[in-house]
């Protein structure tokens, strides 16, 4: 949400430090409130999973798809 896209750099890439720094920076000011609201809207846009479903890859995939649709509006 901070970057307006779903992709993240590989943890071993040189870009990960700058990526994490930007995420942390948003958590240190009022911007985090809007980011959390956006995340909540994305989560609310898909069906509520059961306790078992939330542990599976399908839920993660559905959540990523919902985020992509939301961010590409």
N, C-alpha and C. Protein backbone atom coordinates (compact mmCIF):
# COMPACT_ATOMS: atom_id res chain seq x y z
N UNK A 1 0.83 -1.19 0.00
CA UNK A 1 0.00 0.00 0.00
C UNK A 1 0.87 1.25 0.00
N UNK A 2 1.94 1.24 0.74
CA UNK A 2 2.84 2.40 0.81
C UNK A 2 3.37 2.76 -0.57
N UNK A 3 3.64 1.75 -1.39
CA UNK A 3 4.23 1.97 -2.71
C UNK A 3 3.19 1.94 -3.84
N UNK A 4 1.95 1.63 -3.50
CA UNK A 4 0.90 1.57 -4.52
C UNK A 4 0.98 0.36 -5.41
N UNK A 5 1.65 -0.68 -4.95
CA UNK A 5 1.75 -1.93 -5.70
C UNK A 5 1.96 -3.08 -4.73
N UNK A 6 1.81 -4.30 -5.24
CA UNK A 6 1.87 -5.49 -4.39
C UNK A 6 3.28 -6.07 -4.32
N UNK A 7 4.08 -5.86 -5.35
CA UNK A 7 5.41 -6.46 -5.40
C UNK A 7 6.34 -5.88 -4.34
N UNK A 8 7.21 -6.74 -3.83
CA UNK A 8 8.23 -6.30 -2.88
C UNK A 8 9.58 -6.80 -3.39
N UNK A 9 10.64 -6.08 -3.07
CA UNK A 9 11.96 -6.54 -3.49
C UNK A 9 12.34 -7.83 -2.76
N UNK A 10 13.18 -8.59 -3.38
CA UNK A 10 13.71 -9.80 -2.75
C UNK A 10 14.47 -9.39 -1.49
N UNK A 11 14.30 -10.12 -0.39
CA UNK A 11 14.98 -9.76 0.86
C UNK A 11 16.50 -9.66 0.75
N UNK A 12 17.09 -10.34 -0.21
CA UNK A 12 18.54 -10.28 -0.35
C UNK A 12 19.00 -9.20 -1.34
N UNK A 13 18.05 -8.48 -1.94
CA UNK A 13 18.44 -7.46 -2.92
C UNK A 13 18.89 -6.17 -2.23
N UNK A 14 19.58 -5.35 -2.98
CA UNK A 14 20.06 -4.07 -2.44
C UNK A 14 18.92 -3.08 -2.23
N UNK A 15 17.80 -3.29 -2.90
CA UNK A 15 16.66 -2.39 -2.82
C UNK A 15 15.86 -2.55 -1.52
N UNK A 16 16.05 -3.65 -0.82
CA UNK A 16 15.20 -3.94 0.34
C UNK A 16 15.38 -2.92 1.46
N UNK A 17 16.57 -2.40 1.65
CA UNK A 17 16.81 -1.42 2.73
C UNK A 17 16.01 -0.15 2.49
N UNK A 18 16.07 0.38 1.28
CA UNK A 18 15.31 1.59 0.95
C UNK A 18 13.81 1.33 1.05
N UNK A 19 13.39 0.14 0.62
CA UNK A 19 11.98 -0.25 0.69
C UNK A 19 11.51 -0.23 2.14
N UNK A 20 12.25 -0.89 3.01
CA UNK A 20 11.89 -0.96 4.43
C UNK A 20 11.96 0.41 5.10
N UNK A 21 12.95 1.21 4.72
CA UNK A 21 13.06 2.56 5.29
C UNK A 21 11.82 3.40 4.98
N UNK A 22 11.31 3.28 3.75
CA UNK A 22 10.12 4.05 3.39
C UNK A 22 8.90 3.56 4.17
N UNK A 23 8.76 2.25 4.32
CA UNK A 23 7.64 1.70 5.10
C UNK A 23 7.73 2.20 6.54
N UNK A 24 8.91 2.11 7.13
CA UNK A 24 9.10 2.57 8.51
C UNK A 24 8.81 4.06 8.65
N UNK A 25 9.21 4.84 7.66
CA UNK A 25 8.98 6.28 7.71
C UNK A 25 7.49 6.59 7.77
N UNK A 26 6.68 5.84 7.03
CA UNK A 26 5.24 6.08 7.05
C UNK A 26 4.62 5.70 8.39
N UNK A 27 5.25 4.79 9.10
CA UNK A 27 4.74 4.38 10.41
C UNK A 27 5.07 5.40 11.50
N UNK A 28 5.95 6.32 11.21
CA UNK A 28 6.38 7.31 12.19
C UNK A 28 5.63 8.64 12.07
N UNK A 29 4.63 8.70 11.19
CA UNK A 29 3.83 9.91 11.07
C UNK A 29 2.37 9.54 10.84
N UNK A 30 1.53 10.52 10.65
CA UNK A 30 0.09 10.29 10.50
C UNK A 30 -0.28 9.52 9.23
N UNK A 31 0.64 9.41 8.30
CA UNK A 31 0.37 8.71 7.05
C UNK A 31 -0.03 7.25 7.29
N UNK A 32 0.45 6.66 8.36
CA UNK A 32 0.15 5.26 8.63
C UNK A 32 -1.34 5.02 8.80
N UNK A 33 -2.07 6.00 9.29
CA UNK A 33 -3.50 5.83 9.51
C UNK A 33 -4.21 5.54 8.19
N UNK A 34 -3.91 6.32 7.17
CA UNK A 34 -4.53 6.10 5.86
C UNK A 34 -4.09 4.77 5.26
N UNK A 35 -2.83 4.40 5.46
CA UNK A 35 -2.36 3.10 4.95
C UNK A 35 -3.11 1.95 5.60
N UNK A 36 -3.33 2.04 6.91
CA UNK A 36 -4.08 0.99 7.60
C UNK A 36 -5.53 0.96 7.14
N UNK A 37 -6.13 2.11 6.91
CA UNK A 37 -7.51 2.16 6.42
C UNK A 37 -7.60 1.51 5.04
N UNK A 38 -6.63 1.79 4.19
CA UNK A 38 -6.61 1.19 2.86
C UNK A 38 -6.47 -0.33 2.96
N UNK A 39 -5.58 -0.79 3.82
CA UNK A 39 -5.41 -2.23 4.02
C UNK A 39 -6.70 -2.87 4.51
N UNK A 40 -7.39 -2.19 5.42
CA UNK A 40 -8.65 -2.73 5.94
C UNK A 40 -9.70 -2.82 4.84
N UNK A 41 -9.77 -1.83 3.96
CA UNK A 41 -10.72 -1.88 2.84
C UNK A 41 -10.40 -3.06 1.92
N UNK A 42 -9.13 -3.30 1.69
CA UNK A 42 -8.73 -4.43 0.84
C UNK A 42 -9.14 -5.75 1.51
N UNK A 43 -8.86 -5.89 2.78
CA UNK A 43 -9.22 -7.11 3.51
C UNK A 43 -10.73 -7.31 3.50
N UNK A 44 -11.48 -6.23 3.72
CA UNK A 44 -12.94 -6.32 3.75
C UNK A 44 -13.54 -6.63 2.38
N UNK A 45 -12.79 -6.43 1.31
CA UNK A 45 -13.32 -6.64 -0.04
C UNK A 45 -13.42 -8.12 -0.42
N UNK A 46 -12.79 -8.98 0.34
CA UNK A 46 -12.89 -10.42 0.04
C UNK A 46 -13.65 -11.12 1.17
N UNK A 47 -14.07 -12.33 0.87
CA UNK A 47 -14.85 -13.11 1.84
C UNK A 47 -14.01 -13.42 3.07
N UNK A 48 -14.66 -13.36 4.23
CA UNK A 48 -13.98 -13.64 5.49
C UNK A 48 -13.59 -15.13 5.53
N UNK A 49 -12.31 -15.41 5.71
CA UNK A 49 -11.86 -16.82 5.72
C UNK A 49 -12.14 -17.48 7.06
N UNK A 50 -12.20 -18.80 7.02
CA UNK A 50 -12.29 -19.56 8.27
C UNK A 50 -10.90 -19.58 8.89
N UNK A 51 -10.81 -20.06 10.12
CA UNK A 51 -9.50 -20.15 10.78
C UNK A 51 -8.55 -21.03 9.98
N UNK A 52 -9.08 -22.08 9.37
CA UNK A 52 -8.25 -22.99 8.59
C UNK A 52 -7.82 -22.35 7.26
N UNK A 53 -8.75 -21.65 6.61
CA UNK A 53 -8.45 -21.04 5.31
C UNK A 53 -7.39 -19.94 5.42
N UNK A 54 -7.39 -19.24 6.53
CA UNK A 54 -6.46 -18.11 6.67
C UNK A 54 -4.99 -18.57 6.68
N UNK A 55 -4.77 -19.84 6.97
CA UNK A 55 -3.41 -20.39 7.03
C UNK A 55 -2.92 -20.87 5.66
N UNK A 56 -3.78 -20.88 4.68
CA UNK A 56 -3.44 -21.46 3.38
C UNK A 56 -3.03 -20.42 2.35
N UNK A 57 -2.31 -20.89 1.38
CA UNK A 57 -1.83 -20.01 0.32
C UNK A 57 -2.93 -19.38 -0.51
N UNK A 58 -4.07 -20.07 -0.62
CA UNK A 58 -5.17 -19.55 -1.43
C UNK A 58 -5.66 -18.21 -0.88
N UNK A 59 -5.76 -18.10 0.44
CA UNK A 59 -6.20 -16.83 1.04
C UNK A 59 -5.20 -15.72 0.74
N UNK A 60 -3.92 -16.03 0.84
CA UNK A 60 -2.89 -15.04 0.53
C UNK A 60 -3.00 -14.60 -0.92
N UNK A 61 -3.22 -15.55 -1.82
CA UNK A 61 -3.37 -15.23 -3.24
C UNK A 61 -4.59 -14.34 -3.48
N UNK A 62 -5.70 -14.67 -2.82
CA UNK A 62 -6.92 -13.86 -2.97
C UNK A 62 -6.69 -12.45 -2.44
N UNK A 63 -5.98 -12.35 -1.34
CA UNK A 63 -5.69 -11.04 -0.75
C UNK A 63 -4.79 -10.22 -1.67
N UNK A 64 -3.79 -10.86 -2.27
CA UNK A 64 -2.91 -10.15 -3.21
C UNK A 64 -3.68 -9.69 -4.44
N UNK A 65 -4.58 -10.54 -4.95
CA UNK A 65 -5.39 -10.17 -6.11
C UNK A 65 -6.29 -8.98 -5.77
N UNK A 66 -6.90 -9.01 -4.59
CA UNK A 66 -7.76 -7.90 -4.16
C UNK A 66 -6.95 -6.62 -4.04
N UNK A 67 -5.75 -6.72 -3.52
CA UNK A 67 -4.89 -5.54 -3.38
C UNK A 67 -4.51 -4.98 -4.75
N UNK A 68 -4.19 -5.85 -5.69
CA UNK A 68 -3.84 -5.40 -7.04
C UNK A 68 -5.01 -4.68 -7.69
N UNK A 69 -6.22 -5.24 -7.56
CA UNK A 69 -7.41 -4.60 -8.13
C UNK A 69 -7.64 -3.24 -7.48
N UNK A 70 -7.53 -3.19 -6.17
CA UNK A 70 -7.77 -1.94 -5.44
C UNK A 70 -6.74 -0.88 -5.82
N UNK A 71 -5.50 -1.26 -5.89
CA UNK A 71 -4.43 -0.29 -6.17
C UNK A 71 -4.39 0.14 -7.63
N UNK A 72 -4.97 -0.66 -8.51
CA UNK A 72 -4.96 -0.33 -9.94
C UNK A 72 -6.21 0.43 -10.38
N UNK A 73 -7.03 0.86 -9.43
CA UNK A 73 -8.25 1.63 -9.77
C UNK A 73 -7.87 2.96 -10.34
